[in-house]
């Protein structure tokens, strides 16, 4: 119970209120939300190491971390999380949850926080659309659709060299 309270207290007020509303309407949504969060984190970590097996360990860690920090793996995490939610919840509930998550950051005075939130909102929308088109689909189907969106350039990440949002085409940011 303490973990749940800590998690709720770490959320922004809009996110906490939205989550409460979604959960009181259907308490079974709690399991969907928890599993989607865990699954998206796990999968983005796994794919952040894709194509890095030939690099030295230290460089591999650095490149994987860069991909997960406003990079392509971060874009995939948001897209997949949103796809999972809209596939398993009502579209409206999924949309409310993912947009409430960004509510405070999008209004930030910090340009990087605002840009990262803009990136997340874009990738969330792509994921919401994927999940809505694949209602109730297996996770593998959603992962494949999100990777297709990544390689087609429909997801966005912050290009480290320019500090601008750019379309994804690879699992690794340029170095």
Protein backbone atom coordinates (compact mmCIF):
# COMPACT_ATOMS: atom_id res chain seq x y z
CA UNK A 1 0.00 0.00 0.00
CA UNK A 2 2.88 2.37 0.78
CA UNK A 3 4.24 1.92 -2.76
CA UNK A 4 0.90 2.89 -4.27
CA UNK A 5 0.68 6.01 -2.13
CA UNK A 6 4.26 7.01 -3.04
CA UNK A 7 3.49 6.50 -6.72
CA UNK A 8 0.32 8.60 -6.50
CA UNK A 9 2.10 11.39 -4.60
CA UNK A 10 4.85 11.53 -7.25
CA UNK A 11 2.26 12.26 -9.97
CA UNK A 12 1.23 15.72 -11.05
CA UNK A 13 -2.27 16.76 -9.84
CA UNK A 14 -3.85 16.34 -13.28
CA UNK A 15 -2.39 12.86 -13.64
CA UNK A 16 -3.50 11.84 -10.13
CA UNK A 17 -7.05 13.10 -10.73
CA UNK A 18 -7.28 11.43 -14.13
CA UNK A 19 -5.94 8.15 -12.82
CA UNK A 20 -8.41 8.23 -9.93
CA UNK A 21 -11.26 8.82 -12.37
CA UNK A 22 -10.19 5.99 -14.68
CA UNK A 23 -9.71 3.57 -11.77
CA UNK A 24 -12.95 4.37 -9.97
CA UNK A 25 -14.88 3.87 -13.21
CA UNK A 26 -13.31 0.42 -13.57
CA UNK A 27 -10.90 -0.86 -10.89
CA UNK A 28 -9.65 -3.59 -13.27
CA UNK A 29 -7.96 -0.83 -15.25
CA UNK A 30 -5.30 -0.73 -12.50
CA UNK A 31 -3.81 -3.99 -13.75
CA UNK A 32 -3.81 -2.78 -17.37
CA UNK A 33 -2.07 0.47 -16.36
CA UNK A 34 0.55 -1.31 -14.25
CA UNK A 35 1.29 -3.98 -16.86
CA UNK A 36 1.46 -1.46 -19.72
CA UNK A 37 3.92 0.70 -17.80
CA UNK A 38 6.16 -2.25 -16.90
CA UNK A 39 6.00 -3.79 -20.37
CA UNK A 40 6.85 -0.51 -22.13
CA UNK A 41 9.81 0.16 -19.82
CA UNK A 42 11.15 -3.36 -20.27
CA UNK A 43 10.79 -3.38 -24.05
CA UNK A 44 12.40 0.03 -24.53
CA UNK A 45 15.37 -1.13 -22.46
CA UNK A 46 15.70 -4.32 -24.51
CA UNK A 47 15.56 -2.54 -27.86
CA UNK A 48 17.95 0.21 -26.74
CA UNK A 49 20.66 -2.47 -26.98
CA UNK A 50 19.66 -3.59 -30.47
CA UNK A 51 22.53 -3.54 -32.97
CA UNK A 52 25.11 -2.77 -30.26
CA UNK A 53 26.56 -6.26 -29.69
CA UNK A 54 29.84 -5.46 -31.46
CA UNK A 55 30.61 -2.40 -29.33
CA UNK A 56 32.76 -2.42 -26.18
CA UNK A 57 30.64 -2.72 -23.01
CA UNK A 58 31.13 0.90 -21.85
CA UNK A 59 30.21 2.29 -25.26
CA UNK A 60 27.25 -0.09 -25.47
CA UNK A 61 25.88 1.24 -22.16
CA UNK A 62 26.39 4.86 -23.24
CA UNK A 63 24.62 4.38 -26.58
CA UNK A 64 21.72 2.43 -25.02
CA UNK A 65 21.24 5.12 -22.35
CA UNK A 66 21.29 7.87 -25.01
CA UNK A 67 18.56 6.03 -26.93
CA UNK A 68 16.40 5.77 -23.79
CA UNK A 69 16.89 9.43 -22.83
CA UNK A 70 14.82 11.46 -25.33
CA UNK A 71 16.11 9.18 -28.10
CA UNK A 72 14.54 6.52 -30.31
CA UNK A 73 14.05 3.96 -27.51
CA UNK A 74 12.26 6.66 -25.49
CA UNK A 75 10.03 7.37 -28.51
CA UNK A 76 9.27 3.65 -28.77
CA UNK A 77 8.50 3.44 -25.03
CA UNK A 78 5.90 6.20 -25.28
CA UNK A 79 4.43 4.82 -28.50
CA UNK A 80 4.21 1.29 -27.14
CA UNK A 81 2.83 2.37 -23.75
CA UNK A 82 0.08 4.36 -25.45
CA UNK A 83 -0.65 1.55 -27.93
CA UNK A 84 -1.00 -0.92 -25.07
CA UNK A 85 -3.36 1.38 -23.21
CA UNK A 86 -5.60 2.24 -26.17
CA UNK A 87 -5.68 -1.41 -27.21
CA UNK A 88 -6.84 -2.57 -23.78
CA UNK A 89 -8.78 0.43 -22.37
CA UNK A 90 -11.31 2.70 -23.99
CA UNK A 91 -9.62 5.16 -26.33
CA UNK A 92 -10.87 8.07 -24.20
CA UNK A 93 -9.44 6.62 -20.96
CA UNK A 94 -6.11 5.82 -22.61
CA UNK A 95 -5.90 9.30 -24.11
CA UNK A 96 -6.72 10.95 -20.78
CA UNK A 97 -4.02 8.95 -18.98
CA UNK A 98 -1.20 9.60 -21.46
CA UNK A 99 -1.95 13.30 -21.88
CA UNK A 100 -2.40 13.88 -18.14
CA UNK A 101 1.06 12.37 -17.66
CA UNK A 102 2.53 15.28 -19.67
CA UNK A 103 0.28 18.02 -18.22
CA UNK A 104 2.89 19.77 -16.08
CA UNK A 105 5.90 19.28 -18.36
CA UNK A 106 4.32 20.86 -21.44
CA UNK A 107 3.87 24.10 -19.47
CA UNK A 108 7.46 24.08 -18.18
CA UNK A 109 9.64 27.17 -18.49
CA UNK A 110 12.61 24.87 -19.22
CA UNK A 111 12.92 24.59 -23.04
CA UNK A 112 14.35 21.04 -22.91
CA UNK A 113 11.58 19.79 -20.62
CA UNK A 114 8.99 21.40 -22.90
CA UNK A 115 10.61 19.91 -26.03
CA UNK A 116 10.79 16.45 -24.42
CA UNK A 117 7.13 16.71 -23.48
CA UNK A 118 6.22 17.77 -27.02
CA UNK A 119 8.10 14.69 -28.25
CA UNK A 120 6.27 12.47 -25.76
CA UNK A 121 2.86 13.88 -26.70
CA UNK A 122 3.54 13.23 -30.39
CA UNK A 123 4.71 9.65 -29.76
CA UNK A 124 1.78 9.03 -27.40
CA UNK A 125 -0.64 10.07 -30.15
CA UNK A 126 0.99 7.70 -32.65
CA UNK A 127 0.72 4.90 -30.09
CA UNK A 128 -2.90 5.72 -29.26
CA UNK A 129 -3.77 5.44 -32.94
CA UNK A 130 -1.90 2.13 -33.28
CA UNK A 131 -3.69 0.65 -30.27
CA UNK A 132 -7.10 1.89 -31.40
CA UNK A 133 -6.63 0.18 -34.77
CA UNK A 134 -5.51 -3.06 -33.07
CA UNK A 135 -8.07 -3.28 -30.26
CA UNK A 136 -7.31 -6.24 -28.01
CA UNK A 137 -4.27 -7.28 -30.08
CA UNK A 138 -1.43 -9.31 -28.61
CA UNK A 139 1.56 -7.35 -27.34
CA UNK A 140 3.71 -8.75 -30.17
CA UNK A 141 1.37 -7.22 -32.75
CA UNK A 142 1.56 -3.84 -31.02
CA UNK A 143 5.38 -4.02 -30.74
CA UNK A 144 5.62 -4.77 -34.45
CA UNK A 145 3.33 -1.84 -35.32
CA UNK A 146 5.30 0.56 -33.10
CA UNK A 147 8.61 -0.56 -34.65
CA UNK A 148 7.09 -0.05 -38.08
CA UNK A 149 6.14 3.50 -37.03
CA UNK A 150 9.71 4.04 -35.80
CA UNK A 151 11.35 2.88 -39.03
CA UNK A 152 8.82 4.82 -41.15
CA UNK A 153 9.76 8.01 -39.26
CA UNK A 154 6.34 8.53 -37.67
CA UNK A 155 7.82 8.72 -34.16
CA UNK A 156 9.98 11.65 -33.05
CA UNK A 157 13.08 12.02 -30.87
CA UNK A 158 15.41 14.85 -29.87
CA UNK A 159 18.46 14.82 -32.15
CA UNK A 160 21.47 15.29 -29.83
CA UNK A 161 23.52 17.31 -32.33
CA UNK A 162 20.79 19.87 -33.10
CA UNK A 163 18.53 19.70 -30.05
CA UNK A 164 15.52 19.53 -32.40
CA UNK A 165 12.70 17.03 -32.82
CA UNK A 166 13.33 14.79 -35.79
CA UNK A 167 11.63 11.70 -37.28
CA UNK A 168 12.99 8.34 -36.15
CA UNK A 169 14.54 6.04 -38.73
CA UNK A 170 16.75 3.93 -36.47
CA UNK A 171 16.95 2.66 -32.91
CA UNK A 172 20.04 4.79 -32.23
CA UNK A 173 20.41 8.57 -32.24
CA UNK A 174 23.24 9.86 -34.39
CA UNK A 175 26.50 10.12 -32.48
